């Protein structure tokens, strides 16, 4: 861990990158419910397992929905919609938008606008979720980690979608998916329960699938994603030159589907592969490779060895 640079402070009243409206209190309550309840369910998972209400059907459904929704964030929301790491044919583009929405991390255009602002001001004053927000001593950093992981979700300032995501606002398919977010939240909770009930032909199967493949799975996906904001900007290793505190955290690589190779991502944000060094497993990049081979994705921005060599730290 190193000392972060002093944050740049904008002039008073100069915040064109934020929307004029503040986040309504009701929306903050919904954020608390939809992010807090799955995490509480996760905490209850172990004692529930001891009560023998976990079966192979639940495990399989949880794994499938985890992979689909986590990939919806890493491949869809992040690498495709935010950074344009590859182009996708219309059916895949729509599917990625739906899958990402089912992770319940916010509507697609809102998520993309926040993340583009994060990259523009990474670990500076206008970064929506920098762990260095309050300073670099241990107390300030502890507070900053909580902020970067979870607290920023309750910030009243909303990123301007017109400034940071005009391309998505002009895409009718994506606007429809954005507006359908509440319905997709319901699908993300209810579809595992319906499948669990049908596969086991029982109400108990529906309830346990709702718990494990619904609540617990959503909690896992969300907190792994938020760990990239907090942990991967504080702890870990730097292999490439970047203008911020982005770092690689190897033990998050598998659950994050390759997102925790975060240092390279900030050094080369449009690159479709984040784990570029030997042994750096990047599941999302391998899926993008498969999409390309199937003809569903094209113009993929794979790593450029000369560019990587120029950015490599010695």
C-alpha atoms as a PDB file:
ATOM      1  CA  UNK A   1       0.000   0.000   0.000  1.00  0.00           C
ATOM      2  CA  UNK A   2       1.318   3.460  -0.856  1.00  0.00           C
ATOM      3  CA  UNK A   3       0.353   6.988   0.006  1.00  0.00           C
ATOM      4  CA  UNK A   4      -2.162   8.411  -2.431  1.00  0.00           C
ATOM      5  CA  UNK A   5      -1.663  11.848  -3.963  1.00  0.00           C
ATOM      6  CA  UNK A   6      -3.505  14.816  -2.529  1.00  0.00           C
ATOM      7  CA  UNK A   7      -6.981  15.012  -4.056  1.00  0.00           C
ATOM      8  CA  UNK A   8      -7.663  17.844  -6.498  1.00  0.00           C
ATOM      9  CA  UNK A   9     -10.496  20.062  -5.306  1.00  0.00           C
ATOM     10  CA  UNK A  10     -12.888  21.593  -7.885  1.00  0.00           C
ATOM     11  CA  UNK A  11     -13.973  25.221  -7.668  1.00  0.00           C
ATOM     12  CA  UNK A  12     -17.075  25.852  -5.566  1.00  0.00           C
ATOM     13  CA  UNK A  13     -20.237  25.571  -7.618  1.00  0.00           C
ATOM     14  CA  UNK A  14     -18.418  23.961 -10.541  1.00  0.00           C
ATOM     15  CA  UNK A  15     -19.972  20.504 -10.883  1.00  0.00           C
ATOM     16  CA  UNK A  16     -21.242  20.154 -14.455  1.00  0.00           C
ATOM     17  CA  UNK A  17     -20.634  16.409 -14.337  1.00  0.00           C
ATOM     18  CA  UNK A  18     -23.408  15.917 -11.792  1.00  0.00           C
ATOM     19  CA  UNK A  19     -27.147  16.035 -12.315  1.00  0.00           C
ATOM     20  CA  UNK A  20     -29.024  18.916 -10.739  1.00  0.00           C
ATOM     21  CA  UNK A  21     -31.428  16.601  -8.935  1.00  0.00           C
ATOM     22  CA  UNK A  22     -30.472  14.945  -5.665  1.00  0.00           C
ATOM     23  CA  UNK A  23     -31.204  11.274  -5.086  1.00  0.00           C
ATOM     24  CA  UNK A  24     -34.702  10.972  -3.537  1.00  0.00           C
ATOM     25  CA  UNK A  25     -34.855   9.536  -0.018  1.00  0.00           C
ATOM     26  CA  UNK A  26     -37.110   6.726  -1.229  1.00  0.00           C
ATOM     27  CA  UNK A  27     -34.501   5.669  -3.747  1.00  0.00           C
ATOM     28  CA  UNK A  28     -31.877   5.526  -0.997  1.00  0.00           C
ATOM     29  CA  UNK A  29     -34.191   3.265   1.012  1.00  0.00           C
ATOM     30  CA  UNK A  30     -34.559   0.943  -1.994  1.00  0.00           C
ATOM     31  CA  UNK A  31     -30.770   0.832  -2.405  1.00  0.00           C
ATOM     32  CA  UNK A  32     -30.446  -0.129   1.256  1.00  0.00           C
ATOM     33  CA  UNK A  33     -33.075  -2.873   0.919  1.00  0.00           C
ATOM     34  CA  UNK A  34     -31.813  -4.413  -2.316  1.00  0.00           C
ATOM     35  CA  UNK A  35     -28.158  -4.346  -1.272  1.00  0.00           C
ATOM     36  CA  UNK A  36     -28.555  -4.987   2.430  1.00  0.00           C
ATOM     37  CA  UNK A  37     -31.072  -7.830   2.451  1.00  0.00           C
ATOM     38  CA  UNK A  38     -29.033 -10.101   0.116  1.00  0.00           C
ATOM     39  CA  UNK A  39     -25.957  -9.522   2.288  1.00  0.00           C
ATOM     40  CA  UNK A  40     -27.896 -10.424   5.445  1.00  0.00           C
ATOM     41  CA  UNK A  41     -29.069 -13.548   3.642  1.00  0.00           C
ATOM     42  CA  UNK A  42     -25.436 -14.344   2.895  1.00  0.00           C
ATOM     43  CA  UNK A  43     -24.585 -14.074   6.598  1.00  0.00           C
ATOM     44  CA  UNK A  44     -27.415 -16.490   7.355  1.00  0.00           C
ATOM     45  CA  UNK A  45     -26.283 -18.977   4.691  1.00  0.00           C
ATOM     46  CA  UNK A  46     -24.027 -21.150   6.850  1.00  0.00           C
ATOM     47  CA  UNK A  47     -26.517 -21.839   9.680  1.00  0.00           C
ATOM     48  CA  UNK A  48     -29.204 -22.458   7.084  1.00  0.00           C
ATOM     49  CA  UNK A  49     -26.981 -25.034   5.397  1.00  0.00           C
ATOM     50  CA  UNK A  50     -26.572 -26.775   8.738  1.00  0.00           C
ATOM     51  CA  UNK A  51     -30.355 -27.049   8.800  1.00  0.00           C
ATOM     52  CA  UNK A  52     -30.150 -29.184   5.629  1.00  0.00           C
ATOM     53  CA  UNK A  53     -32.061 -26.859   3.333  1.00  0.00           C
ATOM     54  CA  UNK A  54     -29.376 -26.811   0.673  1.00  0.00           C
ATOM     55  CA  UNK A  55     -29.364 -29.277  -2.230  1.00  0.00           C
ATOM     56  CA  UNK A  56     -27.584 -29.804  -5.520  1.00  0.00           C
ATOM     57  CA  UNK A  57     -30.410 -28.044  -7.363  1.00  0.00           C
ATOM     58  CA  UNK A  58     -29.801 -24.918  -5.280  1.00  0.00           C
ATOM     59  CA  UNK A  59     -26.046 -25.093  -5.857  1.00  0.00           C
ATOM     60  CA  UNK A  60     -26.466 -25.510  -9.614  1.00  0.00           C
ATOM     61  CA  UNK A  61     -28.991 -22.688  -9.927  1.00  0.00           C
ATOM     62  CA  UNK A  62     -26.887 -20.358  -7.760  1.00  0.00           C
ATOM     63  CA  UNK A  63     -23.781 -21.101  -9.854  1.00  0.00           C
ATOM     64  CA  UNK A  64     -25.585 -20.517 -13.170  1.00  0.00           C
ATOM     65  CA  UNK A  65     -27.231 -17.273 -12.059  1.00  0.00           C
ATOM     66  CA  UNK A  66     -23.972 -16.087 -10.496  1.00  0.00           C
ATOM     67  CA  UNK A  67     -22.071 -16.625 -13.747  1.00  0.00           C
ATOM     68  CA  UNK A  68     -24.784 -15.025 -15.886  1.00  0.00           C
ATOM     69  CA  UNK A  69     -25.272 -11.922 -13.749  1.00  0.00           C
ATOM     70  CA  UNK A  70     -21.595 -11.458 -12.834  1.00  0.00           C
ATOM     71  CA  UNK A  71     -20.686 -11.737 -16.530  1.00  0.00           C
ATOM     72  CA  UNK A  72     -23.477  -9.265 -17.270  1.00  0.00           C
ATOM     73  CA  UNK A  73     -21.521  -6.781 -15.143  1.00  0.00           C
ATOM     74  CA  UNK A  74     -17.950  -7.642 -16.130  1.00  0.00           C
ATOM     75  CA  UNK A  75     -18.469  -8.306 -19.838  1.00  0.00           C
ATOM     76  CA  UNK A  76     -21.629  -6.271 -20.437  1.00  0.00           C
ATOM     77  CA  UNK A  77     -21.846  -3.214 -18.208  1.00  0.00           C
ATOM     78  CA  UNK A  78     -18.072  -2.840 -17.854  1.00  0.00           C
ATOM     79  CA  UNK A  79     -16.027  -3.990 -20.838  1.00  0.00           C
ATOM     80  CA  UNK A  80     -18.691  -3.554 -23.538  1.00  0.00           C
ATOM     81  CA  UNK A  81     -20.975  -0.663 -22.573  1.00  0.00           C
ATOM     82  CA  UNK A  82     -18.544   1.452 -20.533  1.00  0.00           C
ATOM     83  CA  UNK A  83     -15.257   0.980 -22.384  1.00  0.00           C
ATOM     84  CA  UNK A  84     -16.185  -0.366 -25.814  1.00  0.00           C
ATOM     85  CA  UNK A  85     -13.639  -3.180 -25.527  1.00  0.00           C
ATOM     86  CA  UNK A  86     -15.584  -4.996 -28.226  1.00  0.00           C
ATOM     87  CA  UNK A  87     -18.634  -4.501 -30.400  1.00  0.00           C
ATOM     88  CA  UNK A  88     -21.581  -6.864 -30.037  1.00  0.00           C
ATOM     89  CA  UNK A  89     -24.298  -7.816 -32.456  1.00  0.00           C
ATOM     90  CA  UNK A  90     -27.740  -6.645 -31.385  1.00  0.00           C
ATOM     91  CA  UNK A  91     -28.990  -9.886 -29.722  1.00  0.00           C
ATOM     92  CA  UNK A  92     -25.806 -10.188 -27.642  1.00  0.00           C
ATOM     93  CA  UNK A  93     -25.864  -6.480 -26.764  1.00  0.00           C
ATOM     94  CA  UNK A  94     -29.441  -6.799 -25.491  1.00  0.00           C
ATOM     95  CA  UNK A  95     -28.650 -10.013 -23.614  1.00  0.00           C
ATOM     96  CA  UNK A  96     -25.657  -8.380 -21.901  1.00  0.00           C
ATOM     97  CA  UNK A  97     -27.779  -5.416 -20.844  1.00  0.00           C
ATOM     98  CA  UNK A  98     -30.430  -7.709 -19.359  1.00  0.00           C
ATOM     99  CA  UNK A  99     -27.877  -9.954 -17.607  1.00  0.00           C
ATOM    100  CA  UNK A 100     -26.114  -6.951 -16.077  1.00  0.00           C
ATOM    101  CA  UNK A 101     -29.399  -5.495 -14.855  1.00  0.00           C
ATOM    102  CA  UNK A 102     -30.177  -8.768 -13.086  1.00  0.00           C
ATOM    103  CA  UNK A 103     -27.119  -8.255 -10.866  1.00  0.00           C
ATOM    104  CA  UNK A 104     -29.159  -5.428  -9.285  1.00  0.00           C
ATOM    105  CA  UNK A 105     -26.335  -2.893  -9.286  1.00  0.00           C
ATOM    106  CA  UNK A 106     -28.423  -0.199 -10.930  1.00  0.00           C
ATOM    107  CA  UNK A 107     -29.829   0.547 -14.394  1.00  0.00           C
ATOM    108  CA  UNK A 108     -27.320   0.169 -17.209  1.00  0.00           C
ATOM    109  CA  UNK A 109     -26.978   3.850 -18.202  1.00  0.00           C
ATOM    110  CA  UNK A 110     -26.588   4.968 -14.586  1.00  0.00           C
ATOM    111  CA  UNK A 111     -23.904   2.318 -13.963  1.00  0.00           C
ATOM    112  CA  UNK A 112     -21.976   3.253 -17.091  1.00  0.00           C
ATOM    113  CA  UNK A 113     -22.111   6.998 -16.342  1.00  0.00           C
ATOM    114  CA  UNK A 114     -20.778   6.424 -12.810  1.00  0.00           C
ATOM    115  CA  UNK A 115     -17.980   4.198 -14.052  1.00  0.00           C
ATOM    116  CA  UNK A 116     -16.898   6.543 -16.810  1.00  0.00           C
ATOM    117  CA  UNK A 117     -16.731   9.364 -14.243  1.00  0.00           C
ATOM    118  CA  UNK A 118     -14.671   7.065 -12.022  1.00  0.00           C
ATOM    119  CA  UNK A 119     -12.114   6.569 -14.793  1.00  0.00           C
ATOM    120  CA  UNK A 120     -11.949  10.252 -15.651  1.00  0.00           C
ATOM    121  CA  UNK A 121     -11.229  11.215 -12.041  1.00  0.00           C
ATOM    122  CA  UNK A 122      -9.811   7.975 -10.640  1.00  0.00           C
ATOM    123  CA  UNK A 123      -8.752   8.506  -7.005  1.00  0.00           C
ATOM    124  CA  UNK A 124      -9.300  12.247  -7.361  1.00  0.00           C
ATOM    125  CA  UNK A 125     -11.999  14.501  -5.916  1.00  0.00           C
ATOM    126  CA  UNK A 126     -14.758  13.735  -8.439  1.00  0.00           C
ATOM    127  CA  UNK A 127     -14.261   9.966  -8.358  1.00  0.00           C
ATOM    128  CA  UNK A 128     -17.595   8.637  -7.055  1.00  0.00           C
ATOM    129  CA  UNK A 129     -16.025   5.813  -5.042  1.00  0.00           C
ATOM    130  CA  UNK A 130     -12.332   6.323  -4.256  1.00  0.00           C
ATOM    131  CA  UNK A 131     -11.144   4.792  -0.959  1.00  0.00           C
ATOM    132  CA  UNK A 132      -8.684   7.715  -0.686  1.00  0.00           C
ATOM    133  CA  UNK A 133     -11.537  10.222  -0.447  1.00  0.00           C
ATOM    134  CA  UNK A 134     -10.902  11.169   3.201  1.00  0.00           C
ATOM    135  CA  UNK A 135      -7.094  11.030   3.320  1.00  0.00           C
ATOM    136  CA  UNK A 136      -4.276   8.503   3.616  1.00  0.00           C
ATOM    137  CA  UNK A 137      -3.828   7.851   7.343  1.00  0.00           C
ATOM    138  CA  UNK A 138      -5.252   4.584   8.643  1.00  0.00           C
ATOM    139  CA  UNK A 139      -8.429   6.095  10.103  1.00  0.00           C
ATOM    140  CA  UNK A 140      -9.216   8.027   6.931  1.00  0.00           C
ATOM    141  CA  UNK A 141      -8.444   5.012   4.779  1.00  0.00           C
ATOM    142  CA  UNK A 142     -10.653   2.738   6.888  1.00  0.00           C
ATOM    143  CA  UNK A 143     -13.476   5.235   6.401  1.00  0.00           C
ATOM    144  CA  UNK A 144     -12.607   5.462   2.716  1.00  0.00           C
ATOM    145  CA  UNK A 145     -12.781   1.688   2.262  1.00  0.00           C
ATOM    146  CA  UNK A 146     -16.306   1.645   3.686  1.00  0.00           C
ATOM    147  CA  UNK A 147     -17.217   4.544   1.403  1.00  0.00           C
ATOM    148  CA  UNK A 148     -15.723   2.925  -1.726  1.00  0.00           C
ATOM    149  CA  UNK A 149     -17.308  -0.440  -1.021  1.00  0.00           C
ATOM    150  CA  UNK A 150     -20.802   0.604   0.032  1.00  0.00           C
ATOM    151  CA  UNK A 151     -21.242   4.152   1.298  1.00  0.00           C
ATOM    152  CA  UNK A 152     -21.025   5.847  -2.088  1.00  0.00           C
ATOM    153  CA  UNK A 153     -24.278   4.149  -3.117  1.00  0.00           C
ATOM    154  CA  UNK A 154     -26.081   6.580  -0.810  1.00  0.00           C
ATOM    155  CA  UNK A 155     -24.404   9.713  -2.120  1.00  0.00           C
ATOM    156  CA  UNK A 156     -26.977  12.344  -3.048  1.00  0.00           C
ATOM    157  CA  UNK A 157     -24.994  13.563  -6.077  1.00  0.00           C
ATOM    158  CA  UNK A 158     -25.971  11.768  -9.277  1.00  0.00           C
ATOM    159  CA  UNK A 159     -23.604  11.494 -12.234  1.00  0.00           C
ATOM    160  CA  UNK A 160     -24.847  13.277 -15.337  1.00  0.00           C
ATOM    161  CA  UNK A 161     -25.928  10.630 -17.842  1.00  0.00           C
ATOM    162  CA  UNK A 162     -26.077  13.192 -20.654  1.00  0.00           C
ATOM    163  CA  UNK A 163     -22.432  14.096 -20.108  1.00  0.00           C
ATOM    164  CA  UNK A 164     -21.027  10.615 -19.567  1.00  0.00           C
ATOM    165  CA  UNK A 165     -23.326   8.279 -21.502  1.00  0.00           C
ATOM    166  CA  UNK A 166     -24.875  10.141 -24.467  1.00  0.00           C
ATOM    167  CA  UNK A 167     -24.187   7.144 -26.725  1.00  0.00           C
ATOM    168  CA  UNK A 168     -26.383   4.895 -24.592  1.00  0.00           C
ATOM    169  CA  UNK A 169     -29.112   7.515 -24.268  1.00  0.00           C
ATOM    170  CA  UNK A 170     -29.279   7.483 -28.071  1.00  0.00           C
ATOM    171  CA  UNK A 171     -29.634   3.683 -28.199  1.00  0.00           C
ATOM    172  CA  UNK A 172     -33.330   2.752 -28.079  1.00  0.00           C
ATOM    173  CA  UNK A 173     -32.640  -0.860 -27.046  1.00  0.00           C
ATOM    174  CA  UNK A 174     -30.498   0.197 -24.111  1.00  0.00           C
ATOM    175  CA  UNK A 175     -32.941   2.911 -23.025  1.00  0.00           C
ATOM    176  CA  UNK A 176     -35.699   0.273 -22.911  1.00  0.00           C
ATOM    177  CA  UNK A 177     -33.509  -2.025 -20.796  1.00  0.00           C
ATOM    178  CA  UNK A 178     -32.628   0.912 -18.542  1.00  0.00           C
ATOM    179  CA  UNK A 179     -36.308   1.707 -17.974  1.00  0.00           C
ATOM    180  CA  UNK A 180     -37.136  -1.977 -17.454  1.00  0.00           C
ATOM    181  CA  UNK A 181     -34.720  -2.234 -14.508  1.00  0.00           C
ATOM    182  CA  UNK A 182     -37.442  -2.668 -11.819  1.00  0.00           C
ATOM    183  CA  UNK A 183     -38.994  -5.552 -13.781  1.00  0.00           C
ATOM    184  CA  UNK A 184     -35.576  -7.171 -14.262  1.00  0.00           C
ATOM    185  CA  UNK A 185     -34.959  -6.913 -10.507  1.00  0.00           C
ATOM    186  CA  UNK A 186     -38.138  -8.924  -9.961  1.00  0.00           C
ATOM    187  CA  UNK A 187     -37.041 -11.477 -12.562  1.00  0.00           C
ATOM    188  CA  UNK A 188     -33.657 -11.867 -10.875  1.00  0.00           C
ATOM    189  CA  UNK A 189     -35.337 -12.760  -7.590  1.00  0.00           C
ATOM    190  CA  UNK A 190     -38.278 -14.803  -8.864  1.00  0.00           C
ATOM    191  CA  UNK A 191     -36.859 -16.788 -11.790  1.00  0.00           C
ATOM    192  CA  UNK A 192     -34.549 -18.924  -9.587  1.00  0.00           C
ATOM    193  CA  UNK A 193     -37.512 -19.705  -7.311  1.00  0.00           C
ATOM    194  CA  UNK A 194     -39.706 -20.721 -10.240  1.00  0.00           C
ATOM    195  CA  UNK A 195     -36.978 -22.955 -11.685  1.00  0.00           C
ATOM    196  CA  UNK A 196     -36.211 -24.450  -8.289  1.00  0.00           C
ATOM    197  CA  UNK A 197     -39.865 -25.282  -7.763  1.00  0.00           C
ATOM    198  CA  UNK A 198     -40.244 -26.841 -11.201  1.00  0.00           C
ATOM    199  CA  UNK A 199     -37.043 -28.880 -10.968  1.00  0.00           C
ATOM    200  CA  UNK A 200     -37.910 -30.301  -7.547  1.00  0.00           C
ATOM    201  CA  UNK A 201     -41.691 -30.181  -7.969  1.00  0.00           C
ATOM    202  CA  UNK A 202     -41.990 -28.732  -4.478  1.00  0.00           C
ATOM    203  CA  UNK A 203     -42.614 -25.456  -2.645  1.00  0.00           C
ATOM    204  CA  UNK A 204     -39.557 -26.140  -0.507  1.00  0.00           C
ATOM    205  CA  UNK A 205     -37.424 -26.320  -3.658  1.00  0.00           C
ATOM    206  CA  UNK A 206     -38.814 -22.952  -4.726  1.00  0.00           C
ATOM    207  CA  UNK A 207     -38.046 -21.362  -1.360  1.00  0.00           C
ATOM    208  CA  UNK A 208     -34.504 -22.721  -1.052  1.00  0.00           C
ATOM    209  CA  UNK A 209     -33.727 -21.718  -4.658  1.00  0.00           C
ATOM    210  CA  UNK A 210     -35.074 -18.218  -3.903  1.00  0.00           C
ATOM    211  CA  UNK A 211     -32.731 -18.033  -0.926  1.00  0.00           C
ATOM    212  CA  UNK A 212     -29.539 -19.507  -2.426  1.00  0.00           C
ATOM    213  CA  UNK A 213     -29.838 -18.633  -6.130  1.00  0.00           C
ATOM    214  CA  UNK A 214     -31.696 -15.390  -5.437  1.00  0.00           C
ATOM    215  CA  UNK A 215     -30.714 -13.596  -2.241  1.00  0.00           C
ATOM    216  CA  UNK A 216     -27.331 -15.173  -1.531  1.00  0.00           C
ATOM    217  CA  UNK A 217     -26.215 -15.102  -5.160  1.00  0.00           C
ATOM    218  CA  UNK A 218     -27.109 -11.427  -5.522  1.00  0.00           C
ATOM    219  CA  UNK A 219     -25.248 -10.575  -2.329  1.00  0.00           C
ATOM    220  CA  UNK A 220     -22.149 -12.388  -3.559  1.00  0.00           C
ATOM    221  CA  UNK A 221     -22.164 -10.722  -6.995  1.00  0.00           C
ATOM    222  CA  UNK A 222     -22.650  -7.258  -5.512  1.00  0.00           C
ATOM    223  CA  UNK A 223     -19.943  -7.487  -2.868  1.00  0.00           C
ATOM    224  CA  UNK A 224     -17.414  -8.987  -5.261  1.00  0.00           C
ATOM    225  CA  UNK A 225     -18.089  -6.083  -7.643  1.00  0.00           C
ATOM    226  CA  UNK A 226     -17.774  -3.489  -4.885  1.00  0.00           C
ATOM    227  CA  UNK A 227     -14.533  -5.115  -3.741  1.00  0.00           C
ATOM    228  CA  UNK A 228     -12.986  -3.955  -7.032  1.00  0.00           C
ATOM    229  CA  UNK A 229     -13.819  -0.360  -6.025  1.00  0.00           C
ATOM    230  CA  UNK A 230     -12.464  -0.703  -2.496  1.00  0.00           C
ATOM    231  CA  UNK A 231      -9.867  -3.475  -2.167  1.00  0.00           C
ATOM    232  CA  UNK A 232      -8.397  -3.169  -5.676  1.00  0.00           C
ATOM    233  CA  UNK A 233      -7.709   0.541  -5.179  1.00  0.00           C
ATOM    234  CA  UNK A 234      -5.961   0.012  -1.846  1.00  0.00           C
ATOM    235  CA  UNK A 235      -4.173  -3.336  -1.557  1.00  0.00           C
ATOM    236  CA  UNK A 236      -2.315  -5.527  -4.012  1.00  0.00           C
ATOM    237  CA  UNK A 237       0.388  -5.294  -6.650  1.00  0.00           C
ATOM    238  CA  UNK A 238       1.136  -2.826  -9.420  1.00  0.00           C
ATOM    239  CA  UNK A 239       2.555  -4.274 -12.640  1.00  0.00           C
ATOM    240  CA  UNK A 240       1.758  -1.380 -14.972  1.00  0.00           C
ATOM    241  CA  UNK A 241       2.033   2.386 -14.823  1.00  0.00           C
ATOM    242  CA  UNK A 242      -1.298   4.041 -14.001  1.00  0.00           C
ATOM    243  CA  UNK A 243      -2.166   7.510 -12.766  1.00  0.00           C
ATOM    244  CA  UNK A 244      -4.099   6.203  -9.766  1.00  0.00           C
ATOM    245  CA  UNK A 245      -3.958   3.575  -7.007  1.00  0.00           C
ATOM    246  CA  UNK A 246      -5.435   0.672  -9.022  1.00  0.00           C
ATOM    247  CA  UNK A 247      -3.905  -2.701  -8.111  1.00  0.00           C
ATOM    248  CA  UNK A 248      -4.063  -6.417  -8.858  1.00  0.00           C
ATOM    249  CA  UNK A 249      -5.588  -8.713  -6.231  1.00  0.00           C
ATOM    250  CA  UNK A 250      -5.040 -12.349  -7.239  1.00  0.00           C
ATOM    251  CA  UNK A 251      -7.451 -13.994  -4.783  1.00  0.00           C
ATOM    252  CA  UNK A 252     -10.402 -12.074  -6.245  1.00  0.00           C
ATOM    253  CA  UNK A 253      -9.626 -13.101  -9.834  1.00  0.00           C
ATOM    254  CA  UNK A 254     -11.921 -16.131 -10.033  1.00  0.00           C
ATOM    255  CA  UNK A 255     -15.001 -14.753  -8.208  1.00  0.00           C
ATOM    256  CA  UNK A 256     -14.685 -11.445 -10.111  1.00  0.00           C
ATOM    257  CA  UNK A 257     -14.249 -13.269 -13.452  1.00  0.00           C
ATOM    258  CA  UNK A 258     -10.962 -11.460 -14.051  1.00  0.00           C
ATOM    259  CA  UNK A 259     -11.914  -7.939 -12.938  1.00  0.00           C
ATOM    260  CA  UNK A 260      -9.432  -7.899 -10.055  1.00  0.00           C
ATOM    261  CA  UNK A 261      -6.496  -7.593 -12.476  1.00  0.00           C
ATOM    262  CA  UNK A 262      -7.402  -3.961 -12.007  1.00  0.00           C
ATOM    263  CA  UNK A 263      -4.041  -2.302 -12.453  1.00  0.00           C
ATOM    264  CA  UNK A 264      -3.757  -3.235 -16.136  1.00  0.00           C
ATOM    265  CA  UNK A 265      -7.349  -2.160 -16.668  1.00  0.00           C
ATOM    266  CA  UNK A 266      -6.608   1.368 -15.456  1.00  0.00           C
ATOM    267  CA  UNK A 267      -3.372   1.441 -17.436  1.00  0.00           C
ATOM    268  CA  UNK A 268      -5.225   0.391 -20.625  1.00  0.00           C
ATOM    269  CA  UNK A 269      -9.003   0.795 -20.005  1.00  0.00           C
ATOM    270  CA  UNK A 270     -10.286  -0.301 -23.419  1.00  0.00           C
ATOM    271  CA  UNK A 271      -8.371  -3.580 -23.456  1.00  0.00           C
ATOM    272  CA  UNK A 272     -10.744  -6.554 -23.534  1.00  0.00           C
ATOM    273  CA  UNK A 273      -8.403  -8.664 -21.420  1.00  0.00           C
ATOM    274  CA  UNK A 274      -7.402  -7.507 -17.934  1.00  0.00           C
ATOM    275  CA  UNK A 275      -5.247 -10.451 -16.878  1.00  0.00           C
ATOM    276  CA  UNK A 276      -2.434 -10.191 -19.419  1.00  0.00           C
ATOM    277  CA  UNK A 277       0.508 -11.650 -17.518  1.00  0.00           C
ATOM    278  CA  UNK A 278       1.398 -15.308 -17.017  1.00  0.00           C
ATOM    279  CA  UNK A 279      -0.951 -17.022 -14.579  1.00  0.00           C
ATOM    280  CA  UNK A 280      -3.516 -14.210 -14.533  1.00  0.00           C
ATOM    281  CA  UNK A 281      -6.787 -16.040 -15.168  1.00  0.00           C
ATOM    282  CA  UNK A 282      -9.408 -13.823 -16.847  1.00  0.00           C
ATOM    283  CA  UNK A 283     -12.687 -15.699 -17.310  1.00  0.00           C
ATOM    284  CA  UNK A 284     -14.436 -12.687 -18.861  1.00  0.00           C
ATOM    285  CA  UNK A 285     -11.776 -12.379 -21.575  1.00  0.00           C
ATOM    286  CA  UNK A 286     -12.145 -16.058 -22.431  1.00  0.00           C
ATOM    287  CA  UNK A 287     -15.926 -15.629 -22.792  1.00  0.00           C
ATOM    288  CA  UNK A 288     -15.390 -12.598 -25.053  1.00  0.00           C
ATOM    289  CA  UNK A 289     -12.986 -14.748 -27.106  1.00  0.00           C
ATOM    290  CA  UNK A 290     -15.748 -17.367 -27.456  1.00  0.00           C
ATOM    291  CA  UNK A 291     -18.248 -14.681 -28.508  1.00  0.00           C
ATOM    292  CA  UNK A 292     -15.770 -13.533 -31.153  1.00  0.00           C
ATOM    293  CA  UNK A 293     -15.281 -17.074 -32.482  1.00  0.00           C
ATOM    294  CA  UNK A 294     -19.057 -17.522 -32.672  1.00  0.00           C
ATOM    295  CA  UNK A 295     -19.361 -14.289 -34.653  1.00  0.00           C
ATOM    296  CA  UNK A 296     -21.412 -12.560 -31.952  1.00  0.00           C
ATOM    297  CA  UNK A 297     -18.647 -10.087 -31.020  1.00  0.00           C
ATOM    298  CA  UNK A 298     -16.239  -8.235 -33.307  1.00  0.00           C
ATOM    299  CA  UNK A 299     -13.627  -5.454 -33.275  1.00  0.00           C
ATOM    300  CA  UNK A 300     -12.301  -6.875 -30.024  1.00  0.00           C
ATOM    301  CA  UNK A 301      -9.480  -4.803 -28.554  1.00  0.00           C
ATOM    302  CA  UNK A 302      -7.038  -7.503 -27.509  1.00  0.00           C
ATOM    303  CA  UNK A 303      -3.782  -6.617 -25.705  1.00  0.00           C
ATOM    304  CA  UNK A 304      -1.127  -4.859 -27.769  1.00  0.00           C
ATOM    305  CA  UNK A 305       2.301  -6.128 -26.725  1.00  0.00           C
ATOM    306  CA  UNK A 306       4.121  -2.915 -27.580  1.00  0.00           C
ATOM    307  CA  UNK A 307       1.678  -0.820 -25.572  1.00  0.00           C
ATOM    308  CA  UNK A 308       1.894  -3.233 -22.632  1.00  0.00           C
ATOM    309  CA  UNK A 309       5.696  -3.171 -22.709  1.00  0.00           C
ATOM    310  CA  UNK A 310       5.688   0.637 -22.658  1.00  0.00           C
ATOM    311  CA  UNK A 311       3.452   0.681 -19.567  1.00  0.00           C
ATOM    312  CA  UNK A 312       5.155  -2.180 -17.692  1.00  0.00           C
ATOM    313  CA  UNK A 313       6.809  -1.197 -14.419  1.00  0.00           C
ATOM    314  CA  UNK A 314      10.399  -2.364 -14.034  1.00  0.00           C
END
